[in-house]
Amino acid sequence: MAIISIEGMEFFAYHGCFAEEQIIGTKFRVDLYIEADTTEAEATDDLSKTINYQTVFQLVKKEMKQKSKLLEHVGRRILDSLKENFPEVEDATVKISKLNPPLGGKMENVSLTIDL
């Protein structure tokens, strides 16, 4: 079993409970950790025998484009899409960070980490 990590994906998106957030948007960072059996890919050097990172990025990008009020909803959609497109995924964890959230004070980010 292996852990495939795709970290620091950055998106400008329109997620948030405040109406303004869904209009003006903000930056988000997504980290994704995928557990899968990579034994065949290790032996064959064949991309079709493992998780294609580019395809995963495109799945995350698609889900980040769809507006949501809650990071929890976005995270669940990402994990569901991952499992639907890659049934060989044993487990996965996604962390979504909203950078500079409008919470009335200075902070770097708020984040949600959710598992498959």
PDB file of N, CA and C in Angstrom:
ATOM      1  N   MET A   1       0.852  -1.179   0.000  1.00  0.00           N
ATOM      2  CA  MET A   1       0.000   0.000   0.000  1.00  0.00           C
ATOM      3  C   MET A   1       0.899   1.243   0.000  1.00  0.00           C
ATOM      4  N   ALA A   2       0.440   2.264  -0.693  1.00  0.00           N
ATOM      5  CA  ALA A   2       1.199   3.510  -0.793  1.00  0.00           C
ATOM      6  C   ALA A   2       0.282   4.691  -0.511  1.00  0.00           C
ATOM      7  N   ILE A   3       0.887   5.794  -0.133  1.00  0.00           N
ATOM      8  CA  ILE A   3       0.163   7.052   0.037  1.00  0.00           C
ATOM      9  C   ILE A   3       0.624   7.993  -1.065  1.00  0.00           C
ATOM     10  N   ILE A   4      -0.307   8.410  -1.884  1.00  0.00           N
ATOM     11  CA  ILE A   4      -0.043   9.408  -2.927  1.00  0.00           C
ATOM     12  C   ILE A   4      -0.494  10.752  -2.361  1.00  0.00           C
ATOM     13  N   SER A   5       0.401  11.715  -2.340  1.00  0.00           N
ATOM     14  CA  SER A   5       0.092  13.039  -1.795  1.00  0.00           C
ATOM     15  C   SER A   5       0.110  14.071  -2.911  1.00  0.00           C
ATOM     16  N   ILE A   6      -0.961  14.837  -2.997  1.00  0.00           N
ATOM     17  CA  ILE A   6      -1.017  15.978  -3.911  1.00  0.00           C
ATOM     18  C   ILE A   6      -1.315  17.170  -3.012  1.00  0.00           C
ATOM     19  N   GLU A   7      -0.288  17.972  -2.775  1.00  0.00           N
ATOM     20  CA  GLU A   7      -0.379  19.015  -1.755  1.00  0.00           C
ATOM     21  C   GLU A   7      -0.247  20.405  -2.364  1.00  0.00           C
ATOM     22  N   GLY A   8      -0.911  21.352  -1.720  1.00  0.00           N
ATOM     23  CA  GLY A   8      -0.761  22.744  -2.097  1.00  0.00           C
ATOM     24  C   GLY A   8      -1.474  23.149  -3.379  1.00  0.00           C
ATOM     25  N   MET A   9      -2.505  22.411  -3.753  1.00  0.00           N
ATOM     26  CA  MET A   9      -3.289  22.835  -4.918  1.00  0.00           C
ATOM     27  C   MET A   9      -3.985  24.142  -4.556  1.00  0.00           C
ATOM     28  N   GLU A  10      -3.896  25.137  -5.414  1.00  0.00           N
ATOM     29  CA  GLU A  10      -4.496  26.438  -5.119  1.00  0.00           C
ATOM     30  C   GLU A  10      -5.621  26.749  -6.094  1.00  0.00           C
ATOM     31  N   PHE A  11      -6.693  27.289  -5.537  1.00  0.00           N
ATOM     32  CA  PHE A  11      -7.871  27.622  -6.339  1.00  0.00           C
ATOM     33  C   PHE A  11      -8.452  28.942  -5.854  1.00  0.00           C
ATOM     34  N   PHE A  12      -9.042  29.677  -6.755  1.00  0.00           N
ATOM     35  CA  PHE A  12      -9.861  30.820  -6.398  1.00  0.00           C
ATOM     36  C   PHE A  12     -11.293  30.335  -6.547  1.00  0.00           C
ATOM     37  N   ALA A  13     -12.069  30.387  -5.465  1.00  0.00           N
ATOM     38  CA  ALA A  13     -13.418  29.809  -5.492  1.00  0.00           C
ATOM     39  C   ALA A  13     -14.382  30.655  -4.673  1.00  0.00           C
ATOM     40  N   TYR A  14     -15.627  30.253  -4.691  1.00  0.00           N
ATOM     41  CA  TYR A  14     -16.725  31.049  -4.125  1.00  0.00           C
ATOM     42  C   TYR A  14     -17.481  30.272  -3.061  1.00  0.00           C
ATOM     43  N   HIS A  15     -16.763  29.746  -2.086  1.00  0.00           N
ATOM     44  CA  HIS A  15     -17.377  28.988  -1.000  1.00  0.00           C
ATOM     45  C   HIS A  15     -17.484  29.860   0.245  1.00  0.00           C
ATOM     46  N   GLY A  16     -18.615  29.761   0.934  1.00  0.00           N
ATOM     47  CA  GLY A  16     -18.770  30.487   2.184  1.00  0.00           C
ATOM     48  C   GLY A  16     -20.229  30.726   2.518  1.00  0.00           C
ATOM     49  N   CYS A  17     -20.478  30.955   3.784  1.00  0.00           N
ATOM     50  CA  CYS A  17     -21.845  31.191   4.272  1.00  0.00           C
ATOM     51  C   CYS A  17     -22.309  32.617   4.022  1.00  0.00           C
ATOM     52  N   PHE A  18     -21.376  33.553   3.920  1.00  0.00           N
ATOM     53  CA  PHE A  18     -21.751  34.947   3.692  1.00  0.00           C
ATOM     54  C   PHE A  18     -21.997  35.167   2.201  1.00  0.00           C
ATOM     55  N   ALA A  19     -23.036  35.922   1.877  1.00  0.00           N
ATOM     56  CA  ALA A  19     -23.367  36.201   0.473  1.00  0.00           C
ATOM     57  C   ALA A  19     -22.180  36.800  -0.264  1.00  0.00           C
ATOM     58  N   GLU A  20     -21.435  37.672   0.417  1.00  0.00           N
ATOM     59  CA  GLU A  20     -20.285  38.326  -0.203  1.00  0.00           C
ATOM     60  C   GLU A  20     -19.237  37.312  -0.666  1.00  0.00           C
ATOM     61  N   GLU A  21     -19.051  36.254   0.126  1.00  0.00           N
ATOM     62  CA  GLU A  21     -18.054  35.241  -0.223  1.00  0.00           C
ATOM     63  C   GLU A  21     -18.422  34.546  -1.531  1.00  0.00           C
ATOM     64  N   GLN A  22     -19.715  34.383  -1.762  1.00  0.00           N
ATOM     65  CA  GLN A  22     -20.154  33.702  -2.974  1.00  0.00           C
ATOM     66  C   GLN A  22     -20.157  34.648  -4.175  1.00  0.00           C
ATOM     67  N   ILE A  23     -19.906  35.934  -3.915  1.00  0.00           N
ATOM     68  CA  ILE A  23     -19.832  36.914  -5.004  1.00  0.00           C
ATOM     69  C   ILE A  23     -18.380  37.269  -5.324  1.00  0.00           C
ATOM     70  N   ILE A  24     -17.602  37.614  -4.279  1.00  0.00           N
ATOM     71  CA  ILE A  24     -16.234  38.075  -4.531  1.00  0.00           C
ATOM     72  C   ILE A  24     -15.203  36.945  -4.516  1.00  0.00           C
ATOM     73  N   GLY A  25     -15.505  35.835  -3.823  1.00  0.00           N
ATOM     74  CA  GLY A  25     -14.593  34.697  -3.779  1.00  0.00           C
ATOM     75  C   GLY A  25     -13.347  34.945  -2.957  1.00  0.00           C
ATOM     76  N   THR A  26     -12.548  33.909  -2.835  1.00  0.00           N
ATOM     77  CA  THR A  26     -11.277  33.987  -2.114  1.00  0.00           C
ATOM     78  C   THR A  26     -10.400  32.811  -2.532  1.00  0.00           C
ATOM     79  N   LYS A  27      -9.190  32.776  -1.989  1.00  0.00           N
ATOM     80  CA  LYS A  27      -8.248  31.701  -2.321  1.00  0.00           C
ATOM     81  C   LYS A  27      -8.408  30.528  -1.357  1.00  0.00           C
ATOM     82  N   PHE A  28      -8.214  29.340  -1.918  1.00  0.00           N
ATOM     83  CA  PHE A  28      -8.262  28.097  -1.149  1.00  0.00           C
ATOM     84  C   PHE A  28      -7.030  27.259  -1.490  1.00  0.00           C
ATOM     85  N   ARG A  29      -6.624  26.456  -0.521  1.00  0.00           N
ATOM     86  CA  ARG A  29      -5.545  25.486  -0.723  1.00  0.00           C
ATOM     87  C   ARG A  29      -6.105  24.110  -0.395  1.00  0.00           C
ATOM     88  N   VAL A  30      -5.801  23.128  -1.249  1.00  0.00           N
ATOM     89  CA  VAL A  30      -6.303  21.773  -1.051  1.00  0.00           C
ATOM     90  C   VAL A  30      -5.124  20.809  -1.022  1.00  0.00           C
ATOM     91  N   ASP A  31      -5.101  19.952  -0.002  1.00  0.00           N
ATOM     92  CA  ASP A  31      -4.129  18.865   0.116  1.00  0.00           C
ATOM     93  C   ASP A  31      -4.915  17.560   0.097  1.00  0.00           C
ATOM     94  N   LEU A  32      -4.443  16.609  -0.695  1.00  0.00           N
ATOM     95  CA  LEU A  32      -5.153  15.345  -0.838  1.00  0.00           C
ATOM     96  C   LEU A  32      -4.175  14.198  -0.653  1.00  0.00           C
ATOM     97  N   TYR A  33      -4.563  13.242   0.176  1.00  0.00           N
ATOM     98  CA  TYR A  33      -3.738  12.068   0.467  1.00  0.00           C
ATOM     99  C   TYR A  33      -4.556  10.833   0.115  1.00  0.00           C
ATOM    100  N   ILE A  34      -4.015  10.020  -0.796  1.00  0.00           N
ATOM    101  CA  ILE A  34      -4.742   8.871  -1.338  1.00  0.00           C
ATOM    102  C   ILE A  34      -3.974   7.595  -1.009  1.00  0.00           C
ATOM    103  N   GLU A  35      -4.672   6.648  -0.410  1.00  0.00           N
ATOM    104  CA  GLU A  35      -4.075   5.347  -0.124  1.00  0.00           C
ATOM    105  C   GLU A  35      -4.538   4.360  -1.182  1.00  0.00           C
ATOM    106  N   ALA A  36      -3.574   3.742  -1.869  1.00  0.00           N
ATOM    107  CA  ALA A  36      -3.897   2.787  -2.923  1.00  0.00           C
ATOM    108  C   ALA A  36      -2.769   1.770  -3.057  1.00  0.00           C
ATOM    109  N   ASP A  37      -3.110   0.644  -3.641  1.00  0.00           N
ATOM    110  CA  ASP A  37      -2.123  -0.390  -3.925  1.00  0.00           C
ATOM    111  C   ASP A  37      -1.414  -0.021  -5.225  1.00  0.00           C
ATOM    112  N   THR A  38      -0.144   0.285  -5.140  1.00  0.00           N
ATOM    113  CA  THR A  38       0.620   0.688  -6.324  1.00  0.00           C
ATOM    114  C   THR A  38       1.593  -0.401  -6.790  1.00  0.00           C
ATOM    115  N   THR A  39       1.395  -1.607  -6.315  1.00  0.00           N
ATOM    116  CA  THR A  39       2.321  -2.713  -6.600  1.00  0.00           C
ATOM    117  C   THR A  39       2.521  -2.927  -8.100  1.00  0.00           C
ATOM    118  N   GLU A  40       1.423  -2.946  -8.861  1.00  0.00           N
ATOM    119  CA  GLU A  40       1.534  -3.173 -10.309  1.00  0.00           C
ATOM    120  C   GLU A  40       2.295  -2.046 -10.993  1.00  0.00           C
ATOM    121  N   ALA A  41       2.010  -0.811 -10.622  1.00  0.00           N
ATOM    122  CA  ALA A  41       2.701   0.333 -11.218  1.00  0.00           C
ATOM    123  C   ALA A  41       4.190   0.299 -10.869  1.00  0.00           C
ATOM    124  N   GLU A  42       4.505  -0.109  -9.652  1.00  0.00           N
ATOM    125  CA  GLU A  42       5.899  -0.204  -9.236  1.00  0.00           C
ATOM    126  C   GLU A  42       6.666  -1.197 -10.104  1.00  0.00           C
ATOM    127  N   ALA A  43       6.006  -2.299 -10.457  1.00  0.00           N
ATOM    128  CA  ALA A  43       6.656  -3.358 -11.225  1.00  0.00           C
ATOM    129  C   ALA A  43       6.691  -3.071 -12.725  1.00  0.00           C
ATOM    130  N   THR A  44       5.673  -2.363 -13.237  1.00  0.00           N
ATOM    131  CA  THR A  44       5.543  -2.216 -14.688  1.00  0.00           C
ATOM    132  C   THR A  44       5.899  -0.840 -15.226  1.00  0.00           C
ATOM    133  N   ASP A  45       5.945   0.177 -14.358  1.00  0.00           N
ATOM    134  CA  ASP A  45       6.179   1.560 -14.789  1.00  0.00           C
ATOM    135  C   ASP A  45       5.088   2.013 -15.760  1.00  0.00           C
ATOM    136  N   ASP A  46       3.851   1.547 -15.519  1.00  0.00           N
ATOM    137  CA  ASP A  46       2.710   1.810 -16.393  1.00  0.00           C
ATOM    138  C   ASP A  46       1.717   2.725 -15.666  1.00  0.00           C
ATOM    139  N   LEU A  47       1.502   3.923 -16.208  1.00  0.00           N
ATOM    140  CA  LEU A  47       0.613   4.903 -15.592  1.00  0.00           C
ATOM    141  C   LEU A  47      -0.808   4.371 -15.417  1.00  0.00           C
ATOM    142  N   SER A  48      -1.254   3.532 -16.325  1.00  0.00           N
ATOM    143  CA  SER A  48      -2.623   3.009 -16.231  1.00  0.00           C
ATOM    144  C   SER A  48      -2.817   2.068 -15.045  1.00  0.00           C
ATOM    145  N   LYS A  49      -1.736   1.716 -14.366  1.00  0.00           N
ATOM    146  CA  LYS A  49      -1.806   0.802 -13.213  1.00  0.00           C
ATOM    147  C   LYS A  49      -1.782   1.536 -11.877  1.00  0.00           C
ATOM    148  N   THR A  50      -1.952   2.855 -11.927  1.00  0.00           N
ATOM    149  CA  THR A  50      -1.930   3.642 -10.695  1.00  0.00           C
ATOM    150  C   THR A  50      -2.900   4.814 -10.815  1.00  0.00           C
ATOM    151  N   ILE A  51      -2.883   5.684  -9.830  1.00  0.00           N
ATOM    152  CA  ILE A  51      -3.730   6.869  -9.806  1.00  0.00           C
ATOM    153  C   ILE A  51      -3.048   7.966 -10.620  1.00  0.00           C
ATOM    154  N   ASN A  52      -3.744   8.489 -11.613  1.00  0.00           N
ATOM    155  CA  ASN A  52      -3.197   9.549 -12.457  1.00  0.00           C
ATOM    156  C   ASN A  52      -3.363  10.886 -11.727  1.00  0.00           C
ATOM    157  N   TYR A  53      -2.266  11.506 -11.349  1.00  0.00           N
ATOM    158  CA  TYR A  53      -2.301  12.748 -10.561  1.00  0.00           C
ATOM    159  C   TYR A  53      -3.006  13.876 -11.311  1.00  0.00           C
ATOM    160  N   GLN A  54      -2.793  13.937 -12.618  1.00  0.00           N
ATOM    161  CA  GLN A  54      -3.414  14.996 -13.408  1.00  0.00           C
ATOM    162  C   GLN A  54      -4.940  14.851 -13.414  1.00  0.00           C
ATOM    163  N   THR A  55      -5.414  13.630 -13.536  1.00  0.00           N
ATOM    164  CA  THR A  55      -6.854  13.388 -13.499  1.00  0.00           C
ATOM    165  C   THR A  55      -7.424  13.756 -12.141  1.00  0.00           C
ATOM    166  N   VAL A  56      -6.706  13.420 -11.085  1.00  0.00           N
ATOM    167  CA  VAL A  56      -7.148  13.776  -9.735  1.00  0.00           C
ATOM    168  C   VAL A  56      -7.234  15.292  -9.593  1.00  0.00           C
ATOM    169  N   PHE A  57      -6.217  16.003 -10.058  1.00  0.00           N
ATOM    170  CA  PHE A  57      -6.236  17.463  -9.988  1.00  0.00           C
ATOM    171  C   PHE A  57      -7.462  18.022 -10.703  1.00  0.00           C
ATOM    172  N   GLN A  58      -7.771  17.492 -11.865  1.00  0.00           N
ATOM    173  CA  GLN A  58      -8.930  17.972 -12.622  1.00  0.00           C
ATOM    174  C   GLN A  58     -10.242  17.702 -11.879  1.00  0.00           C
ATOM    175  N   LEU A  59     -10.329  16.569 -11.180  1.00  0.00           N
ATOM    176  CA  LEU A  59     -11.519  16.267 -10.371  1.00  0.00           C
ATOM    177  C   LEU A  59     -11.672  17.282  -9.240  1.00  0.00           C
ATOM    178  N   VAL A  60     -10.573  17.576  -8.559  1.00  0.00           N
ATOM    179  CA  VAL A  60     -10.602  18.549  -7.471  1.00  0.00           C
ATOM    180  C   VAL A  60     -10.985  19.923  -8.018  1.00  0.00           C
ATOM    181  N   LYS A  61     -10.384  20.306  -9.122  1.00  0.00           N
ATOM    182  CA  LYS A  61     -10.670  21.604  -9.752  1.00  0.00           C
ATOM    183  C   LYS A  61     -12.159  21.727 -10.081  1.00  0.00           C
ATOM    184  N   LYS A  62     -12.739  20.674 -10.628  1.00  0.00           N
ATOM    185  CA  LYS A  62     -14.168  20.679 -10.979  1.00  0.00           C
ATOM    186  C   LYS A  62     -15.034  20.900  -9.740  1.00  0.00           C
ATOM    187  N   GLU A  63     -14.720  20.215  -8.647  1.00  0.00           N
ATOM    188  CA  GLU A  63     -15.512  20.351  -7.424  1.00  0.00           C
ATOM    189  C   GLU A  63     -15.307  21.716  -6.775  1.00  0.00           C
ATOM    190  N   MET A  64     -14.108  22.269  -6.890  1.00  0.00           N
ATOM    191  CA  MET A  64     -13.850  23.595  -6.317  1.00  0.00           C
ATOM    192  C   MET A  64     -14.593  24.690  -7.080  1.00  0.00           C
ATOM    193  N   LYS A  65     -14.908  24.461  -8.336  1.00  0.00           N
ATOM    194  CA  LYS A  65     -15.641  25.453  -9.136  1.00  0.00           C
ATOM    195  C   LYS A  65     -17.105  25.556  -8.723  1.00  0.00           C
ATOM    196  N   GLN A  66     -17.640  24.483  -8.151  1.00  0.00           N
ATOM    197  CA  GLN A  66     -19.056  24.470  -7.761  1.00  0.00           C
ATOM    198  C   GLN A  66     -19.215  25.141  -6.400  1.00  0.00           C
ATOM    199  N   LYS A  67     -19.996  26.233  -6.352  1.00  0.00           N
ATOM    200  CA  LYS A  67     -20.184  26.991  -5.112  1.00  0.00           C
ATOM    201  C   LYS A  67     -20.820  26.128  -4.016  1.00  0.00           C
ATOM    202  N   SER A  68     -20.334  26.323  -2.791  1.00  0.00           N
ATOM    203  CA  SER A  68     -20.901  25.672  -1.606  1.00  0.00           C
ATOM    204  C   SER A  68     -20.815  26.634  -0.439  1.00  0.00           C
ATOM    205  N   LYS A  69     -21.701  26.485   0.501  1.00  0.00           N
ATOM    206  CA  LYS A  69     -21.628  27.278   1.721  1.00  0.00           C
ATOM    207  C   LYS A  69     -20.580  26.716   2.671  1.00  0.00           C
ATOM    208  N   LEU A  70     -20.438  25.391   2.700  1.00  0.00           N
ATOM    209  CA  LEU A  70     -19.590  24.745   3.702  1.00  0.00           C
ATOM    210  C   LEU A  70     -18.416  23.990   3.086  1.00  0.00           C
ATOM    211  N   LEU A  71     -17.261  24.096   3.734  1.00  0.00           N
ATOM    212  CA  LEU A  71     -16.108  23.308   3.317  1.00  0.00           C
ATOM    213  C   LEU A  71     -16.400  21.814   3.459  1.00  0.00           C
ATOM    214  N   GLU A  72     -17.226  21.459   4.422  1.00  0.00           N
ATOM    215  CA  GLU A  72     -17.601  20.058   4.621  1.00  0.00           C
ATOM    216  C   GLU A  72     -18.251  19.482   3.364  1.00  0.00           C
ATOM    217  N   HIS A  73     -19.098  20.284   2.738  1.00  0.00           N
ATOM    218  CA  HIS A  73     -19.782  19.843   1.518  1.00  0.00           C
ATOM    219  C   HIS A  73     -18.797  19.684   0.369  1.00  0.00           C
ATOM    220  N   VAL A  74     -17.896  20.636   0.223  1.00  0.00           N
ATOM    221  CA  VAL A  74     -16.876  20.570  -0.830  1.00  0.00           C
ATOM    222  C   VAL A  74     -15.992  19.335  -0.618  1.00  0.00           C
ATOM    223  N   GLY A  75     -15.551  19.127   0.601  1.00  0.00           N
ATOM    224  CA  GLY A  75     -14.686  17.990   0.916  1.00  0.00           C
ATOM    225  C   GLY A  75     -15.339  16.662   0.601  1.00  0.00           C
ATOM    226  N   ARG A  76     -16.600  16.524   0.953  1.00  0.00           N
ATOM    227  CA  ARG A  76     -17.311  15.257   0.685  1.00  0.00           C
ATOM    228  C   ARG A  76     -17.460  15.039  -0.815  1.00  0.00           C
ATOM    229  N   ARG A  77     -17.746  16.107  -1.561  1.00  0.00           N
ATOM    230  CA  ARG A  77     -17.870  15.968  -3.020  1.00  0.00           C
ATOM    231  C   ARG A  77     -16.539  15.533  -3.644  1.00  0.00           C
ATOM    232  N   ILE A  78     -15.432  16.103  -3.171  1.00  0.00           N
ATOM    233  CA  ILE A  78     -14.113  15.729  -3.693  1.00  0.00           C
ATOM    234  C   ILE A  78     -13.859  14.244  -3.443  1.00  0.00           C
ATOM    235  N   LEU A  79     -14.100  13.794  -2.226  1.00  0.00           N
ATOM    236  CA  LEU A  79     -13.846  12.390  -1.899  1.00  0.00           C
ATOM    237  C   LEU A  79     -14.768  11.450  -2.661  1.00  0.00           C
ATOM    238  N   ASP A  80     -16.033  11.821  -2.794  1.00  0.00           N
ATOM    239  CA  ASP A  80     -16.980  10.990  -3.548  1.00  0.00           C
ATOM    240  C   ASP A  80     -16.574  10.894  -5.018  1.00  0.00           C
ATOM    241  N   SER A  81     -16.154  12.007  -5.597  1.00  0.00           N
ATOM    242  CA  SER A  81     -15.719  12.016  -6.992  1.00  0.00           C
ATOM    243  C   SER A  81     -14.458  11.172  -7.176  1.00  0.00           C
ATOM    244  N   LEU A  82     -13.542  11.274  -6.235  1.00  0.00           N
ATOM    245  CA  LEU A  82     -12.318  10.477  -6.281  1.00  0.00           C
ATOM    246  C   LEU A  82     -12.646   8.991  -6.268  1.00  0.00           C
ATOM    247  N   LYS A  83     -13.498   8.570  -5.354  1.00  0.00           N
ATOM    248  CA  LYS A  83     -13.854   7.147  -5.225  1.00  0.00           C
ATOM    249  C   LYS A  83     -14.622   6.664  -6.451  1.00  0.00           C
ATOM    250  N   GLU A  84     -15.485   7.524  -6.989  1.00  0.00           N
ATOM    251  CA  GLU A  84     -16.255   7.149  -8.179  1.00  0.00           C
ATOM    252  C   GLU A  84     -15.350   6.937  -9.386  1.00  0.00           C
ATOM    253  N   ASN A  85     -14.332   7.783  -9.536  1.00  0.00           N
ATOM    254  CA  ASN A  85     -13.437   7.700 -10.686  1.00  0.00           C
ATOM    255  C   ASN A  85     -12.274   6.737 -10.499  1.00  0.00           C
ATOM    256  N   PHE A  86     -11.937   6.453  -9.258  1.00  0.00           N
ATOM    257  CA  PHE A  86     -10.839   5.542  -8.950  1.00  0.00           C
ATOM    258  C   PHE A  86     -11.288   4.553  -7.865  1.00  0.00           C
ATOM    259  N   PRO A  87     -12.048   3.528  -8.244  1.00  0.00           N
ATOM    260  CA  PRO A  87     -12.553   2.578  -7.243  1.00  0.00           C
ATOM    261  C   PRO A  87     -11.444   1.829  -6.498  1.00  0.00           C
ATOM    262  N   GLU A  88     -10.234   1.849  -7.048  1.00  0.00           N
ATOM    263  CA  GLU A  88      -9.111   1.174  -6.388  1.00  0.00           C
ATOM    264  C   GLU A  88      -8.582   1.933  -5.177  1.00  0.00           C
ATOM    265  N   VAL A  89      -9.056   3.146  -4.966  1.00  0.00           N
ATOM    266  CA  VAL A  89      -8.644   3.930  -3.795  1.00  0.00           C
ATOM    267  C   VAL A  89      -9.144   3.226  -2.538  1.00  0.00           C
ATOM    268  N   GLU A  90      -8.216   2.920  -1.651  1.00  0.00           N
ATOM    269  CA  GLU A  90      -8.551   2.248  -0.390  1.00  0.00           C
ATOM    270  C   GLU A  90      -9.051   3.249   0.647  1.00  0.00           C
ATOM    271  N   ASP A  91      -8.395   4.403   0.702  1.00  0.00           N
ATOM    272  CA  ASP A  91      -8.743   5.444   1.666  1.00  0.00           C
ATOM    273  C   ASP A  91      -8.211   6.762   1.125  1.00  0.00           C
ATOM    274  N   ALA A  92      -8.765   7.853   1.620  1.00  0.00           N
ATOM    275  CA  ALA A  92      -8.291   9.168   1.194  1.00  0.00           C
ATOM    276  C   ALA A  92      -8.641  10.188   2.265  1.00  0.00           C
ATOM    277  N   THR A  93      -7.829  11.223   2.340  1.00  0.00           N
ATOM    278  CA  THR A  93      -8.048  12.343   3.241  1.00  0.00           C
ATOM    279  C   THR A  93      -7.847  13.617   2.443  1.00  0.00           C
ATOM    280  N   VAL A  94      -8.774  14.553   2.617  1.00  0.00           N
ATOM    281  CA  VAL A  94      -8.637  15.843   1.958  1.00  0.00           C
ATOM    282  C   VAL A  94      -8.648  16.938   3.022  1.00  0.00           C
ATOM    283  N   LYS A  95      -7.777  17.908   2.847  1.00  0.00           N
ATOM    284  CA  LYS A  95      -7.744  19.086   3.711  1.00  0.00           C
ATOM    285  C   LYS A  95      -7.971  20.298   2.826  1.00  0.00           C
ATOM    286  N   ILE A  96      -9.003  21.074   3.155  1.00  0.00           N
ATOM    287  CA  ILE A  96      -9.317  22.288   2.406  1.00  0.00           C
ATOM    288  C   ILE A  96      -9.108  23.470   3.340  1.00  0.00           C
ATOM    289  N   SER A  97      -8.283  24.407   2.923  1.00  0.00           N
ATOM    290  CA  SER A  97      -8.005  25.606   3.710  1.00  0.00           C
ATOM    291  C   SER A  97      -8.526  26.831   2.978  1.00  0.00           C
ATOM    292  N   LYS A  98      -9.299  27.636   3.686  1.00  0.00           N
ATOM    293  CA  LYS A  98      -9.749  28.927   3.156  1.00  0.00           C
ATOM    294  C   LYS A  98      -8.758  29.966   3.666  1.00  0.00           C
ATOM    295  N   LEU A  99      -8.069  30.625   2.730  1.00  0.00           N
ATOM    296  CA  LEU A  99      -7.055  31.599   3.105  1.00  0.00           C
ATOM    297  C   LEU A  99      -7.702  32.949   3.393  1.00  0.00           C
ATOM    298  N   ASN A 100      -7.232  33.598   4.419  1.00  0.00           N
ATOM    299  CA  ASN A 100      -7.740  34.915   4.824  1.00  0.00           C
ATOM    300  C   ASN A 100      -9.265  34.955   4.958  1.00  0.00           C
ATOM    301  N   PRO A 101      -9.844  34.109   5.800  1.00  0.00           N
ATOM    302  CA  PRO A 101     -11.302  34.075   5.931  1.00  0.00           C
ATOM    303  C   PRO A 101     -11.839  35.357   6.586  1.00  0.00           C
ATOM    304  N   PRO A 102     -13.046  35.762   6.199  1.00  0.00           N
ATOM    305  CA  PRO A 102     -13.624  37.000   6.737  1.00  0.00           C
ATOM    306  C   PRO A 102     -14.299  36.775   8.088  1.00  0.00           C
ATOM    307  N   LEU A 103     -13.502  36.575   9.126  1.00  0.00           N
ATOM    308  CA  LEU A 103     -14.056  36.263  10.446  1.00  0.00           C
ATOM    309  C   LEU A 103     -13.868  37.399  11.448  1.00  0.00           C
ATOM    310  N   GLY A 104     -13.522  38.567  10.970  1.00  0.00           N
ATOM    311  CA  GLY A 104     -13.428  39.713  11.857  1.00  0.00           C
ATOM    312  C   GLY A 104     -12.102  39.884  12.557  1.00  0.00           C
ATOM    313  N   GLY A 105     -11.096  39.177  12.114  1.00  0.00           N
ATOM    314  CA  GLY A 105      -9.773  39.295  12.713  1.00  0.00           C
ATOM    315  C   GLY A 105      -8.722  38.752  11.771  1.00  0.00           C
ATOM    316  N   LYS A 106      -7.463  38.993  12.087  1.00  0.00           N
ATOM    317  CA  LYS A 106      -6.370  38.534  11.237  1.00  0.00           C
ATOM    318  C   LYS A 106      -6.061  37.067  11.511  1.00  0.00           C
ATOM    319  N   MET A 107      -6.103  36.270  10.478  1.00  0.00           N
ATOM    320  CA  MET A 107      -5.707  34.863  10.574  1.00  0.00           C
ATOM    321  C   MET A 107      -5.293  34.374   9.200  1.00  0.00           C
ATOM    322  N   GLU A 108      -4.418  33.406   9.192  1.00  0.00           N
ATOM    323  CA  GLU A 108      -3.903  32.863   7.936  1.00  0.00           C
ATOM    324  C   GLU A 108      -4.975  32.069   7.192  1.00  0.00           C
ATOM    325  N   ASN A 109      -5.639  31.155   7.897  1.00  0.00           N
ATOM    326  CA  ASN A 109      -6.638  30.320   7.236  1.00  0.00           C
ATOM    327  C   ASN A 109      -7.496  29.588   8.252  1.00  0.00           C
ATOM    328  N   VAL A 110      -8.598  29.057   7.752  1.00  0.00           N
ATOM    329  CA  VAL A 110      -9.383  28.056   8.466  1.00  0.00           C
ATOM    330  C   VAL A 110      -9.370  26.833   7.568  1.00  0.00           C
ATOM    331  N   SER A 111      -9.477  25.636   8.153  1.00  0.00           N
ATOM    332  CA  SER A 111      -9.423  24.456   7.311  1.00  0.00           C
ATOM    333  C   SER A 111     -10.307  23.343   7.841  1.00  0.00           C
ATOM    334  N   LEU A 112     -10.594  22.438   6.958  1.00  0.00           N
ATOM    335  CA  LEU A 112     -11.351  21.231   7.263  1.00  0.00           C
ATOM    336  C   LEU A 112     -10.557  20.055   6.742  1.00  0.00           C
ATOM    337  N   THR A 113     -10.447  19.013   7.545  1.00  0.00           N
ATOM    338  CA  THR A 113      -9.836  17.755   7.106  1.00  0.00           C
ATOM    339  C   THR A 113     -10.888  16.681   7.255  1.00  0.00           C
ATOM    340  N   ILE A 114     -11.118  15.935   6.167  1.00  0.00           N
ATOM    341  CA  ILE A 114     -12.167  14.920   6.159  1.00  0.00           C
ATOM    342  C   ILE A 114     -11.653  13.663   5.446  1.00  0.00           C
ATOM    343  N   ASP A 115     -12.094  12.515   5.921  1.00  0.00           N
ATOM    344  CA  ASP A 115     -11.668  11.229   5.371  1.00  0.00           C
ATOM    345  C   ASP A 115     -12.770  10.584   4.547  1.00  0.00           C
ATOM    346  N   LEU A 116     -12.345   9.699   3.658  1.00  0.00           N
ATOM    347  CA  LEU A 116     -13.271   8.937   2.816  1.00  0.00           C
ATOM    348  C   LEU A 116     -14.193   8.076   3.647  1.00  0.00           C
TER     349      LEU A 116
END
